C-alpha atoms as a PDB file:
ATOM      1  CA  MET A   1      92.211  10.425  90.685  1.00  0.00           C
ATOM      2  CA  SER A   2      91.785   7.392  88.830  1.00  0.00           C
ATOM      3  CA  THR A   3      94.599   5.745  86.641  1.00  0.00           C
ATOM      4  CA  ARG A   4      94.669   3.294  84.223  1.00  0.00           C
ATOM      5  CA  GLN A   5      97.793   0.929  83.329  1.00  0.00           C
ATOM      6  CA  PHE A   6     100.222   2.567  80.670  1.00  0.00           C
ATOM      7  CA  SER A   7     101.635  -0.404  78.322  1.00  0.00           C
ATOM      8  CA  ILE A   8     104.798  -0.119  76.290  1.00  0.00           C
ATOM      9  CA  LEU A   9     103.652  -2.784  74.081  1.00  0.00           C
ATOM     10  CA  ARG A  10     102.253  -0.740  71.388  1.00  0.00           C
ATOM     11  CA  HIS A  11     102.532  -0.005  67.564  1.00  0.00           C
ATOM     12  CA  LEU A  12     105.004   2.965  67.221  1.00  0.00           C
ATOM     13  CA  GLN A  13     103.554   5.966  65.184  1.00  0.00           C
ATOM     14  CA  HIS A  14     105.400   9.181  63.959  1.00  0.00           C
ATOM     15  CA  GLU A  15     102.611  11.381  65.235  1.00  0.00           C
ATOM     16  CA  ASN A  16     102.131   9.614  68.855  1.00  0.00           C
ATOM     17  CA  PRO A  17     105.473   7.865  69.256  1.00  0.00           C
ATOM     18  CA  LEU A  18     104.700   6.898  73.171  1.00  0.00           C
ATOM     19  CA  GLY A  19     101.774   5.240  71.976  1.00  0.00           C
ATOM     20  CA  LEU A  20      99.060   7.075  74.318  1.00  0.00           C
ATOM     21  CA  PRO A  21      95.830   6.018  73.714  1.00  0.00           C
ATOM     22  CA  ARG A  22      93.590   8.713  71.929  1.00  0.00           C
ATOM     23  CA  ALA A  23      89.848   9.384  72.658  1.00  0.00           C
ATOM     24  CA  GLY A  24      88.245  11.191  69.825  1.00  0.00           C
ATOM     25  CA  ALA A  25      90.138  13.738  67.654  1.00  0.00           C
ATOM     26  CA  PRO A  26      94.023  14.010  68.901  1.00  0.00           C
ATOM     27  CA  PRO A  27      94.717  17.520  70.446  1.00  0.00           C
ATOM     28  CA  GLN A  28      95.679  20.087  67.948  1.00  0.00           C
ATOM     29  CA  LEU A  29      99.027  21.929  68.561  1.00  0.00           C
ATOM     30  CA  PRO A  30      98.995  25.525  68.245  1.00  0.00           C
ATOM     31  CA  ARG A  31      98.924  27.021  64.937  1.00  0.00           C
ATOM     32  CA  MET A  32     102.121  27.574  63.095  1.00  0.00           C
ATOM     33  CA  GLN A  33     102.822  31.479  62.933  1.00  0.00           C
ATOM     34  CA  ARG A  34     105.626  32.356  60.419  1.00  0.00           C
ATOM     35  CA  GLY A  35     106.937  28.843  60.154  1.00  0.00           C
ATOM     36  CA  LEU A  36     107.359  28.533  64.379  1.00  0.00           C
ATOM     37  CA  PRO A  37     104.963  27.206  66.953  1.00  0.00           C
ATOM     38  CA  GLN A  38     103.353  29.384  69.428  1.00  0.00           C
ATOM     39  CA  ARG A  39     105.082  28.764  72.834  1.00  0.00           C
ATOM     40  CA  ARG A  40     102.669  27.719  75.632  1.00  0.00           C
ATOM     41  CA  ARG A  41     102.622  27.042  79.310  1.00  0.00           C
ATOM     42  CA  ILE A  42     102.947  23.501  80.650  1.00  0.00           C
ATOM     43  CA  LYS A  43      99.406  22.913  82.083  1.00  0.00           C
ATOM     44  CA  GLY A  44      99.117  22.728  85.773  1.00  0.00           C
ATOM     45  CA  VAL A  45     102.482  24.445  86.270  1.00  0.00           C
ATOM     46  CA  GLU A  46     103.279  27.781  87.576  1.00  0.00           C
ATOM     47  CA  LYS A  47     107.097  28.208  86.834  1.00  0.00           C
ATOM     48  CA  VAL A  48     109.579  26.101  84.475  1.00  0.00           C
ATOM     49  CA  VAL A  49     113.320  26.482  85.136  1.00  0.00           C
ATOM     50  CA  ALA A  50     115.509  24.582  82.528  1.00  0.00           C
ATOM     51  CA  VAL A  51     118.886  23.468  83.563  1.00  0.00           C
ATOM     52  CA  SER A  52     121.337  22.931  80.660  1.00  0.00           C
ATOM     53  CA  SER A  53     124.814  23.154  79.437  1.00  0.00           C
ATOM     54  CA  ALA A  54     126.030  22.468  75.894  1.00  0.00           C
ATOM     55  CA  LYS A  55     128.425  19.988  77.495  1.00  0.00           C
ATOM     56  CA  GLY A  56     127.972  16.461  78.782  1.00  0.00           C
ATOM     57  CA  GLY A  57     128.968  15.328  81.938  1.00  0.00           C
ATOM     58  CA  VAL A  58     129.014  18.209  83.783  1.00  0.00           C
ATOM     59  CA  GLY A  59     126.235  17.429  86.299  1.00  0.00           C
ATOM     60  CA  LYS A  60     123.086  18.793  84.751  1.00  0.00           C
ATOM     61  CA  SER A  61     120.902  15.779  86.217  1.00  0.00           C
ATOM     62  CA  THR A  62     122.306  15.763  89.550  1.00  0.00           C
ATOM     63  CA  LEU A  63     122.025  19.445  89.924  1.00  0.00           C
ATOM     64  CA  SER A  64     118.329  19.226  88.422  1.00  0.00           C
ATOM     65  CA  VAL A  65     117.271  16.566  90.819  1.00  0.00           C
ATOM     66  CA  ASN A  66     118.815  18.260  93.856  1.00  0.00           C
ATOM     67  CA  LEU A  67     117.082  21.802  92.921  1.00  0.00           C
ATOM     68  CA  ALA A  68     113.786  19.994  92.663  1.00  0.00           C
ATOM     69  CA  LEU A  69     114.196  18.283  95.801  1.00  0.00           C
ATOM     70  CA  ALA A  70     115.379  21.609  97.612  1.00  0.00           C
ATOM     71  CA  PHE A  71     112.304  23.191  96.482  1.00  0.00           C
ATOM     72  CA  ALA A  72     110.115  20.562  97.916  1.00  0.00           C
ATOM     73  CA  GLN A  73     111.686  20.692 101.012  1.00  0.00           C
ATOM     74  CA  ALA A  74     111.141  24.408 101.311  1.00  0.00           C
ATOM     75  CA  GLY A  75     107.337  23.654 100.841  1.00  0.00           C
ATOM     76  CA  CYS A  76     106.826  24.005  96.973  1.00  0.00           C
ATOM     77  CA  ARG A  77     105.157  21.394  94.635  1.00  0.00           C
ATOM     78  CA  SER A  78     108.032  20.281  92.585  1.00  0.00           C
ATOM     79  CA  GLY A  79     108.649  18.160  89.645  1.00  0.00           C
ATOM     80  CA  VAL A  80     111.528  17.526  87.516  1.00  0.00           C
ATOM     81  CA  LEU A  81     111.038  16.421  83.842  1.00  0.00           C
ATOM     82  CA  ASP A  82     113.648  14.499  82.017  1.00  0.00           C
ATOM     83  CA  THR A  83     113.826  15.506  78.365  1.00  0.00           C
ATOM     84  CA  ASP A  84     117.005  13.458  77.424  1.00  0.00           C
ATOM     85  CA  ILE A  85     115.403  10.922  75.392  1.00  0.00           C
ATOM     86  CA  PHE A  86     118.476   8.902  74.456  1.00  0.00           C
ATOM     87  CA  GLY A  87     120.363   8.897  77.746  1.00  0.00           C
ATOM     88  CA  PRO A  88     117.612   9.495  80.750  1.00  0.00           C
ATOM     89  CA  SER A  89     119.018   9.697  84.033  1.00  0.00           C
ATOM     90  CA  ILE A  90     116.288  10.759  86.546  1.00  0.00           C
ATOM     91  CA  PRO A  91     114.937   7.317  87.072  1.00  0.00           C
ATOM     92  CA  LYS A  92     118.061   6.260  88.405  1.00  0.00           C
ATOM     93  CA  LEU A  93     118.869   9.235  90.468  1.00  0.00           C
ATOM     94  CA  LEU A  94     115.190   9.383  92.106  1.00  0.00           C
ATOM     95  CA  ASN A  95     115.350   5.459  92.612  1.00  0.00           C
ATOM     96  CA  LEU A  96     112.202   4.988  90.501  1.00  0.00           C
ATOM     97  CA  SER A  97     111.264   2.363  87.730  1.00  0.00           C
ATOM     98  CA  GLY A  98     107.882   1.035  86.135  1.00  0.00           C
ATOM     99  CA  GLU A  99     105.459   2.226  83.767  1.00  0.00           C
ATOM    100  CA  PRO A 100     103.415   5.268  84.553  1.00  0.00           C
ATOM    101  CA  GLY A 101      99.587   5.206  84.834  1.00  0.00           C
ATOM    102  CA  LEU A 102      97.130   7.192  82.647  1.00  0.00           C
ATOM    103  CA  THR A 103      94.449   9.450  83.668  1.00  0.00           C
ATOM    104  CA  GLU A 104      90.835   8.843  81.935  1.00  0.00           C
ATOM    105  CA  SER A 105      91.989  11.631  79.641  1.00  0.00           C
ATOM    106  CA  SER A 106      94.960   9.747  78.502  1.00  0.00           C
ATOM    107  CA  GLN A 107      97.562  11.701  80.212  1.00  0.00           C
ATOM    108  CA  LEU A 108     100.775  10.421  81.668  1.00  0.00           C
ATOM    109  CA  VAL A 109     100.938  10.162  85.336  1.00  0.00           C
ATOM    110  CA  PRO A 110     104.134  11.223  87.039  1.00  0.00           C
ATOM    111  CA  LEU A 111     106.207   8.819  89.147  1.00  0.00           C
ATOM    112  CA  GLN A 112     107.054  10.357  92.581  1.00  0.00           C
ATOM    113  CA  ASN A 113     109.717   9.851  95.509  1.00  0.00           C
ATOM    114  CA  TYR A 114     110.892  12.191  98.116  1.00  0.00           C
ATOM    115  CA  GLY A 115     108.125  14.592  97.596  1.00  0.00           C
ATOM    116  CA  VAL A 116     109.122  15.242  94.046  1.00  0.00           C
ATOM    117  CA  LYS A 117     106.992  14.383  90.703  1.00  0.00           C
ATOM    118  CA  SER A 118     109.000  13.156  87.795  1.00  0.00           C
ATOM    119  CA  MET A 119     108.752  11.890  84.402  1.00  0.00           C
ATOM    120  CA  SER A 120     111.282  10.423  81.939  1.00  0.00           C
ATOM    121  CA  MET A 121     111.586   8.353  78.946  1.00  0.00           C
ATOM    122  CA  GLY A 122     112.979   6.125  81.115  1.00  0.00           C
ATOM    123  CA  TYR A 123     110.091   5.175  82.633  1.00  0.00           C
ATOM    124  CA  LEU A 124     108.548   4.020  79.199  1.00  0.00           C
ATOM    125  CA  VAL A 125     111.401   1.903  77.903  1.00  0.00           C
ATOM    126  CA  GLY A 126     113.412  -0.953  79.373  1.00  0.00           C
ATOM    127  CA  GLN A 127     116.336  -0.039  81.768  1.00  0.00           C
ATOM    128  CA  ASP A 128     119.057  -1.402  78.974  1.00  0.00           C
ATOM    129  CA  ALA A 129     116.586  -0.683  75.872  1.00  0.00           C
ATOM    130  CA  PRO A 130     118.326   1.887  73.286  1.00  0.00           C
ATOM    131  CA  VAL A 131     115.937   4.426  71.635  1.00  0.00           C
ATOM    132  CA  VAL A 132     116.699   3.884  68.321  1.00  0.00           C
ATOM    133  CA  TRP A 133     114.681   6.794  66.676  1.00  0.00           C
ATOM    134  CA  ARG A 134     115.382   9.403  64.258  1.00  0.00           C
ATOM    135  CA  GLY A 135     114.710  12.814  64.656  1.00  0.00           C
ATOM    136  CA  LEU A 136     111.027  13.299  63.847  1.00  0.00           C
ATOM    137  CA  MET A 137     109.952  10.373  66.452  1.00  0.00           C
ATOM    138  CA  VAL A 138     112.294  12.027  68.924  1.00  0.00           C
ATOM    139  CA  MET A 139     110.531  15.364  68.786  1.00  0.00           C
ATOM    140  CA  LYS A 140     107.160  14.032  68.745  1.00  0.00           C
ATOM    141  CA  ALA A 141     107.852  12.057  71.739  1.00  0.00           C
ATOM    142  CA  LEU A 142     109.307  14.978  73.416  1.00  0.00           C
ATOM    143  CA  GLN A 143     106.360  17.222  72.557  1.00  0.00           C
ATOM    144  CA  GLN A 144     104.062  14.564  74.337  1.00  0.00           C
ATOM    145  CA  LEU A 145     106.487  14.445  77.492  1.00  0.00           C
ATOM    146  CA  LEU A 146     105.744  18.340  77.561  1.00  0.00           C
ATOM    147  CA  HIS A 147     102.335  18.687  77.028  1.00  0.00           C
ATOM    148  CA  GLU A 148     100.736  15.106  77.830  1.00  0.00           C
ATOM    149  CA  VAL A 149     101.725  14.689  81.386  1.00  0.00           C
ATOM    150  CA  ASP A 150      98.931  15.423  84.219  1.00  0.00           C
ATOM    151  CA  TRP A 151     101.407  17.221  86.824  1.00  0.00           C
ATOM    152  CA  GLY A 152      98.516  17.912  89.116  1.00  0.00           C
ATOM    153  CA  GLY A 153      99.548  21.315  90.159  1.00  0.00           C
ATOM    154  CA  LEU A 154     103.141  22.416  90.770  1.00  0.00           C
ATOM    155  CA  ASP A 155     104.709  25.369  91.750  1.00  0.00           C
ATOM    156  CA  VAL A 156     107.991  24.898  90.041  1.00  0.00           C
ATOM    157  CA  LEU A 157     109.015  22.032  87.251  1.00  0.00           C
ATOM    158  CA  VAL A 158     112.671  21.557  86.445  1.00  0.00           C
ATOM    159  CA  LEU A 159     113.676  20.479  82.984  1.00  0.00           C
ATOM    160  CA  ASP A 160     116.581  18.365  82.766  1.00  0.00           C
ATOM    161  CA  LEU A 161     118.040  19.131  79.117  1.00  0.00           C
ATOM    162  CA  PRO A 162     120.562  16.654  77.421  1.00  0.00           C
ATOM    163  CA  PRO A 163     123.854  18.133  76.264  1.00  0.00           C
ATOM    164  CA  GLY A 164     123.859  20.252  72.795  1.00  0.00           C
ATOM    165  CA  THR A 165     122.223  23.205  71.495  1.00  0.00           C
ATOM    166  CA  GLY A 166     120.188  21.035  68.773  1.00  0.00           C
ATOM    167  CA  ASP A 167     116.642  19.923  68.124  1.00  0.00           C
ATOM    168  CA  THR A 168     115.822  18.947  71.628  1.00  0.00           C
ATOM    169  CA  GLN A 169     116.827  22.630  72.923  1.00  0.00           C
ATOM    170  CA  LEU A 170     115.098  23.945  69.840  1.00  0.00           C
ATOM    171  CA  THR A 171     111.835  22.299  70.563  1.00  0.00           C
ATOM    172  CA  ILE A 172     111.592  23.192  74.068  1.00  0.00           C
ATOM    173  CA  THR A 173     112.413  26.750  73.661  1.00  0.00           C
ATOM    174  CA  GLN A 174     110.125  27.299  70.807  1.00  0.00           C
ATOM    175  CA  GLN A 175     107.046  25.541  72.312  1.00  0.00           C
ATOM    176  CA  VAL A 176     107.210  26.115  76.234  1.00  0.00           C
ATOM    177  CA  VAL A 177     107.289  29.301  77.996  1.00  0.00           C
ATOM    178  CA  LEU A 178     110.488  29.116  79.961  1.00  0.00           C
ATOM    179  CA  ASP A 179     110.793  31.398  83.191  1.00  0.00           C
ATOM    180  CA  GLY A 180     114.330  31.198  83.033  1.00  0.00           C
ATOM    181  CA  ALA A 181     117.291  28.793  82.299  1.00  0.00           C
ATOM    182  CA  VAL A 182     120.478  27.750  84.322  1.00  0.00           C
ATOM    183  CA  ILE A 183     123.465  27.096  82.979  1.00  0.00           C
ATOM    184  CA  VAL A 184     126.040  24.470  84.803  1.00  0.00           C
ATOM    185  CA  SER A 185     129.492  24.262  83.901  1.00  0.00           C
ATOM    186  CA  THR A 186     132.754  22.857  85.525  1.00  0.00           C
ATOM    187  CA  PRO A 187     135.661  25.108  85.677  1.00  0.00           C
ATOM    188  CA  GLN A 188     137.816  24.395  82.789  1.00  0.00           C
ATOM    189  CA  ASP A 189     137.923  25.922  79.570  1.00  0.00           C
ATOM    190  CA  ILE A 190     136.995  23.096  77.497  1.00  0.00           C
ATOM    191  CA  ALA A 191     133.835  23.067  79.297  1.00  0.00           C
ATOM    192  CA  LEU A 192     133.136  26.676  79.327  1.00  0.00           C
ATOM    193  CA  ALA A 193     133.607  26.853  75.621  1.00  0.00           C
ATOM    194  CA  ASP A 194     130.488  24.813  75.197  1.00  0.00           C
ATOM    195  CA  ALA A 195     128.704  26.538  77.921  1.00  0.00           C
ATOM    196  CA  VAL A 196     128.957  29.936  76.470  1.00  0.00           C
ATOM    197  CA  LYS A 197     127.312  28.276  73.277  1.00  0.00           C
ATOM    198  CA  GLY A 198     124.202  27.371  75.748  1.00  0.00           C
ATOM    199  CA  ILE A 199     124.307  30.956  76.700  1.00  0.00           C
ATOM    200  CA  ASN A 200     124.244  32.256  73.110  1.00  0.00           C
ATOM    201  CA  MET A 201     121.373  29.770  72.423  1.00  0.00           C
ATOM    202  CA  PHE A 202     119.042  30.977  75.108  1.00  0.00           C
ATOM    203  CA  ARG A 203     119.685  34.614  74.276  1.00  0.00           C
ATOM    204  CA  LYS A 204     119.213  34.130  70.918  1.00  0.00           C
ATOM    205  CA  VAL A 205     115.220  32.690  71.539  1.00  0.00           C
ATOM    206  CA  ASN A 206     114.863  35.229  74.174  1.00  0.00           C
ATOM    207  CA  VAL A 207     114.828  32.876  77.430  1.00  0.00           C
ATOM    208  CA  PRO A 208     115.974  34.623  80.440  1.00  0.00           C
ATOM    209  CA  ILE A 209     119.432  33.199  81.910  1.00  0.00           C
ATOM    210  CA  LEU A 210     118.831  33.279  85.887  1.00  0.00           C
ATOM    211  CA  GLY A 211     122.632  32.663  86.529  1.00  0.00           C
ATOM    212  CA  MET A 212     125.575  29.837  86.041  1.00  0.00           C
ATOM    213  CA  VAL A 213     126.451  27.029  88.383  1.00  0.00           C
ATOM    214  CA  GLN A 214     130.135  26.037  89.003  1.00  0.00           C
ATOM    215  CA  ASN A 215     129.877  22.214  89.474  1.00  0.00           C
ATOM    216  CA  MET A 216     133.003  20.393  90.670  1.00  0.00           C
ATOM    217  CA  SER A 217     134.596  23.476  91.902  1.00  0.00           C
ATOM    218  CA  VAL A 218     136.940  22.220  94.725  1.00  0.00           C
ATOM    219  CA  PHE A 219     138.154  18.717  95.918  1.00  0.00           C
ATOM    220  CA  THR A 220     138.625  18.651  99.901  1.00  0.00           C
ATOM    221  CA  CYS A 221     140.834  15.655 100.871  1.00  0.00           C
ATOM    222  CA  PRO A 222     138.806  13.498 103.405  1.00  0.00           C
ATOM    223  CA  ASN A 223     142.060  12.531 105.040  1.00  0.00           C
ATOM    224  CA  CYS A 224     143.915  15.821 105.310  1.00  0.00           C
ATOM    225  CA  ASN A 225     141.158  18.353 104.671  1.00  0.00           C
ATOM    226  CA  HIS A 226     143.430  20.042 102.237  1.00  0.00           C
ATOM    227  CA  SER A 227     141.398  21.688  99.341  1.00  0.00           C
ATOM    228  CA  THR A 228     142.414  21.653  95.743  1.00  0.00           C
ATOM    229  CA  HIS A 229     140.840  23.532  92.596  1.00  0.00           C
ATOM    230  CA  ILE A 230     141.256  20.279  90.681  1.00  0.00           C
ATOM    231  CA  PHE A 231     139.630  21.974  87.654  1.00  0.00           C
ATOM    232  CA  GLY A 232     140.621  25.581  88.421  1.00  0.00           C
ATOM    233  CA  SER A 233     138.086  28.008  90.269  1.00  0.00           C
ATOM    234  CA  GLU A 234     137.639  31.050  88.525  1.00  0.00           C
ATOM    235  CA  GLY A 235     136.284  29.710  85.165  1.00  0.00           C
ATOM    236  CA  VAL A 236     132.568  30.048  85.748  1.00  0.00           C
ATOM    237  CA  PRO A 237     132.851  33.576  87.569  1.00  0.00           C
ATOM    238  CA  ARG A 238     135.107  35.049  84.915  1.00  0.00           C
ATOM    239  CA  GLU A 239     132.433  34.040  82.291  1.00  0.00           C
ATOM    240  CA  CYS A 240     129.501  35.609  84.404  1.00  0.00           C
ATOM    241  CA  ASN A 241     131.228  38.553  84.463  1.00  0.00           C
ATOM    242  CA  LYS A 242     132.126  38.545  80.759  1.00  0.00           C
ATOM    243  CA  HIS A 243     128.446  37.716  79.924  1.00  0.00           C
ATOM    244  CA  GLY A 244     126.766  39.885  82.354  1.00  0.00           C
ATOM    245  CA  ILE A 245     125.050  36.912  84.071  1.00  0.00           C
ATOM    246  CA  ASP A 246     124.869  36.190  88.029  1.00  0.00           C
ATOM    247  CA  PHE A 247     126.895  33.679  89.495  1.00  0.00           C
ATOM    248  CA  LEU A 248     124.580  31.394  91.468  1.00  0.00           C
ATOM    249  CA  GLY A 249     127.428  29.259  93.235  1.00  0.00           C
ATOM    250  CA  ASP A 250     129.811  26.524  93.683  1.00  0.00           C
ATOM    251  CA  VAL A 251     129.266  22.917  94.144  1.00  0.00           C
ATOM    252  CA  PRO A 252     131.960  21.022  95.249  1.00  0.00           C
ATOM    253  CA  LEU A 253     133.652  17.942  93.723  1.00  0.00           C
ATOM    254  CA  HIS A 254     132.723  15.161  96.616  1.00  0.00           C
ATOM    255  CA  ALA A 255     132.596  11.478  96.437  1.00  0.00           C
ATOM    256  CA  SER A 256     129.431  11.322  98.296  1.00  0.00           C
ATOM    257  CA  ILE A 257     127.649  13.532  95.708  1.00  0.00           C
ATOM    258  CA  CYS A 258     128.427  10.733  93.152  1.00  0.00           C
ATOM    259  CA  GLY A 259     127.728   7.822  95.472  1.00  0.00           C
ATOM    260  CA  ASP A 260     124.286   9.214  96.795  1.00  0.00           C
ATOM    261  CA  ALA A 261     123.218   9.697  93.026  1.00  0.00           C
ATOM    262  CA  ASP A 262     124.335   5.916  92.264  1.00  0.00           C
ATOM    263  CA  ARG A 263     122.191   4.990  95.358  1.00  0.00           C
ATOM    264  CA  GLY A 264     119.314   6.934  94.221  1.00  0.00           C
ATOM    265  CA  ARG A 265     119.436   9.159  97.454  1.00  0.00           C
ATOM    266  CA  PRO A 266     120.452  12.512  95.976  1.00  0.00           C
ATOM    267  CA  THR A 267     122.644  14.629  98.363  1.00  0.00           C
ATOM    268  CA  ILE A 268     119.608  16.735  99.722  1.00  0.00           C
ATOM    269  CA  VAL A 269     117.907  13.733 100.912  1.00  0.00           C
ATOM    270  CA  ALA A 270     121.120  11.454 101.859  1.00  0.00           C
ATOM    271  CA  GLU A 271     122.723  14.360 103.719  1.00  0.00           C
ATOM    272  CA  PRO A 272     120.465  17.058 104.278  1.00  0.00           C
ATOM    273  CA  ARG A 273     122.795  18.813 106.796  1.00  0.00           C
ATOM    274  CA  SER A 274     126.232  18.461 105.004  1.00  0.00           C
ATOM    275  CA  SER A 275     127.871  21.548 103.380  1.00  0.00           C
ATOM    276  CA  ARG A 276     127.010  19.817  99.851  1.00  0.00           C
ATOM    277  CA  ALA A 277     123.382  19.752 100.648  1.00  0.00           C
ATOM    278  CA  LYS A 278     123.774  23.532 101.553  1.00  0.00           C
ATOM    279  CA  ALA A 279     125.471  24.337  98.340  1.00  0.00           C
ATOM    280  CA  PHE A 280     122.194  23.075  96.505  1.00  0.00           C
ATOM    281  CA  ARG A 281     119.534  24.760  98.810  1.00  0.00           C
ATOM    282  CA  ASP A 282     121.496  28.313  98.332  1.00  0.00           C
ATOM    283  CA  ILE A 283     121.250  27.819  94.750  1.00  0.00           C
ATOM    284  CA  ALA A 284     117.389  26.883  94.989  1.00  0.00           C
ATOM    285  CA  GLU A 285     116.788  29.705  97.231  1.00  0.00           C
ATOM    286  CA  GLN A 286     118.326  32.247  94.689  1.00  0.00           C
ATOM    287  CA  LEU A 287     116.155  30.859  92.028  1.00  0.00           C
ATOM    288  CA  SER A 288     112.927  31.109  93.996  1.00  0.00           C
ATOM    289  CA  SER A 289     113.651  34.617  94.670  1.00  0.00           C
ATOM    290  CA  LYS A 290     114.285  35.018  90.782  1.00  0.00           C
ATOM    291  CA  LEU A 291     111.341  33.231  89.756  1.00  0.00           C
ATOM    292  CA  GLY A 292     108.714  34.929  92.222  1.00  0.00           C
ATOM    293  CA  ILE A 293     108.002  31.358  93.777  1.00  0.00           C
ATOM    294  CA  THR A 294     105.933  32.528  96.675  1.00  0.00           C
ATOM    295  CA  ARG A 295     105.384  29.439  98.367  1.00  0.00           C
ATOM    296  CA  TYR A 296     109.002  28.905  98.876  1.00  0.00           C
ATOM    297  CA  GLY A 297     110.022  28.458 102.631  1.00  0.00           C
ATOM    298  CA  ASP A 298     106.308  27.963 103.633  1.00  0.00           C
ATOM    299  CA  THR A 299     106.743  24.458 104.814  1.00  0.00           C
ATOM    300  CA  GLY A 300     103.768  24.775 107.195  1.00  0.00           C
ATOM    301  CA  ARG A 301     101.170  24.441 104.109  1.00  0.00           C
END
């Protein structure tokens, strides 16, 4: 597939905030029915799973990337889409930078590392450049990231959602067929209060909830090996029981997970034999079963 250079030196337009070249008439979005757009599949993607929490700082991006990497290492064609327009994290986590190319049909070409394809607003603006846009521009840019990327055929695409239950989440759930959502939270009540809002949001828009993940569940001292539940231990399992949701597992609080992420070598890649990597793989395996990803585990393909 031939590609052309994508340039961010362009005139921003409300209907085309990413400045993608247009050949002839622009593609038409689905007709509005009863004031809402029709959900449609992301082209070239078999399964789409959203990783979400209404709370910020609970590890959504780290979980998203490690899940995408776990899928890839298990033989899946995997990708991750960063839907956080204002605070994209995927470029840092995957150690990627630079502008994406364009196909002959003016579709964005994902950047790839560690066997995972990715797209992010962070590739389209400078590392330190803020995105100072109002809601209309943000939503149109999000629509372009959702439907104007050439993924080239994926078994599973992980959507890394920003915090909250606002415009971005509503746009995604109304315009994309989601095969399921994963809610991530830390164990303490202040995080769980917002995570429950995320649960209710997905239920309101009829998106299946695949389960919840408890992040930063336990800290084990590297010197004495004593384990401490700094934020508590039963918060997420308790909410799972309360709301009838499957508990997918715990991810520990460990300095290496943070350090690996900051170096752009997520735990699945940096420490594949560690118990921390196993925690991510176990969650990915459960999700593959729930989603019916037939290629999972077929590393010989």
